[in-house]
C-alpha atoms as a PDB file:
ATOM      1  CA  MET A   1     -87.109  19.840  11.105  1.00  0.00           C
ATOM      2  CA  THR A   2     -84.482  21.753  13.090  1.00  0.00           C
ATOM      3  CA  TYR A   3     -82.432  18.608  13.777  1.00  0.00           C
ATOM      4  CA  LYS A   4     -82.242  18.189  10.006  1.00  0.00           C
ATOM      5  CA  LYS A   5     -81.027  21.780   9.565  1.00  0.00           C
ATOM      6  CA  VAL A   6     -78.272  21.233  12.140  1.00  0.00           C
ATOM      7  CA  GLN A   7     -77.245  17.989  10.435  1.00  0.00           C
ATOM      8  CA  GLU A   8     -77.163  19.609   6.973  1.00  0.00           C
ATOM      9  CA  TYR A   9     -75.254  22.664   8.233  1.00  0.00           C
ATOM     10  CA  VAL A  10     -72.553  20.602   9.966  1.00  0.00           C
ATOM     11  CA  LYS A  11     -72.235  18.259   6.969  1.00  0.00           C
ATOM     12  CA  ARG A  12     -71.820  21.201   4.590  1.00  0.00           C
ATOM     13  CA  LYS A  13     -69.462  23.269   6.773  1.00  0.00           C
ATOM     14  CA  TYR A  14     -67.403  20.618   8.631  1.00  0.00           C
ATOM     15  CA  ASN A  15     -67.854  17.570   6.381  1.00  0.00           C
ATOM     16  CA  PHE A  16     -69.065  15.058   8.965  1.00  0.00           C
ATOM     17  CA  SER A  17     -72.488  13.638   9.714  1.00  0.00           C
ATOM     18  CA  VAL A  18     -74.299  14.307  12.979  1.00  0.00           C
ATOM     19  CA  LYS A  19     -76.500  11.630  14.517  1.00  0.00           C
ATOM     20  CA  SER A  20     -79.788  12.817  15.976  1.00  0.00           C
ATOM     21  CA  CYS A  21     -78.851  11.087  19.245  1.00  0.00           C
ATOM     22  CA  TRP A  22     -75.815  13.418  19.473  1.00  0.00           C
ATOM     23  CA  ILE A  23     -78.149  16.420  19.284  1.00  0.00           C
ATOM     24  CA  ALA A  24     -80.325  14.920  22.021  1.00  0.00           C
ATOM     25  CA  HIS A  25     -77.217  14.284  24.138  1.00  0.00           C
ATOM     26  CA  ILE A  26     -76.077  17.906  23.816  1.00  0.00           C
ATOM     27  CA  LYS A  27     -79.570  19.135  24.682  1.00  0.00           C
ATOM     28  CA  GLU A  28     -79.420  16.990  27.813  1.00  0.00           C
ATOM     29  CA  LEU A  29     -75.948  18.343  28.678  1.00  0.00           C
ATOM     30  CA  ASN A  30     -77.391  21.852  28.471  1.00  0.00           C
ATOM     31  CA  GLY A  31     -80.243  21.107  30.859  1.00  0.00           C
ATOM     32  CA  ILE A  32     -83.037  20.740  28.338  1.00  0.00           C
ATOM     33  CA  LYS A  33     -85.512  18.115  29.513  1.00  0.00           C
ATOM     34  CA  MET A  34     -86.643  15.695  26.869  1.00  0.00           C
ATOM     35  CA  LYS A  35     -88.956  12.715  26.678  1.00  0.00           C
ATOM     36  CA  GLN A  36     -87.249   9.369  26.624  1.00  0.00           C
ATOM     37  CA  ALA A  37     -87.296   7.729  23.202  1.00  0.00           C
ATOM     38  CA  PRO A  38     -89.178   4.426  23.170  1.00  0.00           C
ATOM     39  CA  ASN A  39     -86.186   2.664  21.621  1.00  0.00           C
ATOM     40  CA  ARG A  40     -83.708   3.904  24.250  1.00  0.00           C
ATOM     41  CA  LEU A  41     -82.321   0.953  26.177  1.00  0.00           C
ATOM     42  CA  SER A  42     -81.335   2.712  29.414  1.00  0.00           C
ATOM     43  CA  SER A  43     -82.581   5.875  31.081  1.00  0.00           C
ATOM     44  CA  THR A  44     -79.128   6.623  32.513  1.00  0.00           C
ATOM     45  CA  GLU A  45     -76.761   5.645  29.688  1.00  0.00           C
ATOM     46  CA  ARG A  46     -76.529   6.612  26.057  1.00  0.00           C
ATOM     47  CA  LYS A  47     -75.556   4.012  23.503  1.00  0.00           C
ATOM     48  CA  TYR A  48     -74.112   6.680  21.186  1.00  0.00           C
ATOM     49  CA  PRO A  49     -73.158   9.827  23.109  1.00  0.00           C
ATOM     50  CA  CYS A  50     -71.732  12.721  21.114  1.00  0.00           C
ATOM     51  CA  PRO A  51     -67.949  12.323  20.811  1.00  0.00           C
ATOM     52  CA  GLU A  52     -66.011  14.844  22.919  1.00  0.00           C
ATOM     53  CA  GLU A  53     -64.176  16.271  19.915  1.00  0.00           C
ATOM     54  CA  LYS A  54     -67.452  17.073  18.116  1.00  0.00           C
ATOM     55  CA  ILE A  55     -69.491  18.532  20.986  1.00  0.00           C
ATOM     56  CA  LEU A  56     -68.382  22.142  20.431  1.00  0.00           C
ATOM     57  CA  VAL A  57     -69.092  22.096  16.681  1.00  0.00           C
ATOM     58  CA  VAL A  58     -72.532  20.543  17.122  1.00  0.00           C
ATOM     59  CA  LYS A  59     -73.340  22.823  20.072  1.00  0.00           C
ATOM     60  CA  ASN A  60     -72.489  25.932  18.048  1.00  0.00           C
ATOM     61  CA  ALA A  61     -74.649  24.720  15.152  1.00  0.00           C
ATOM     62  CA  MET A  62     -77.516  24.104  17.579  1.00  0.00           C
ATOM     63  CA  LYS A  63     -77.157  27.651  18.926  1.00  0.00           C
ATOM     64  CA  LYS A  64     -77.263  28.991  15.370  1.00  0.00           C
ATOM     65  CA  PHE A  65     -80.655  27.331  14.824  1.00  0.00           C
ATOM     66  CA  GLY A  66     -82.055  28.131  18.282  1.00  0.00           C
ATOM     67  CA  LEU A  67     -82.112  24.632  19.747  1.00  0.00           C
ATOM     68  CA  ILE A  68     -80.159  25.733  22.812  1.00  0.00           C
END
């Protein structure tokens, strides 16, 4: 549910869509351990990492909703 709130908030405020894999990537960058998704191809690489220019916006939205 919280991923959805982050996605809706960013869409409304910054007018771009956030992929759930970007949220997972930012969680990982902030040291939050997560289970590996069954559809993830590699344990060391991300197919769709969060773009550098969007990390700060998504990270701030995640802080707002208590994900990090």
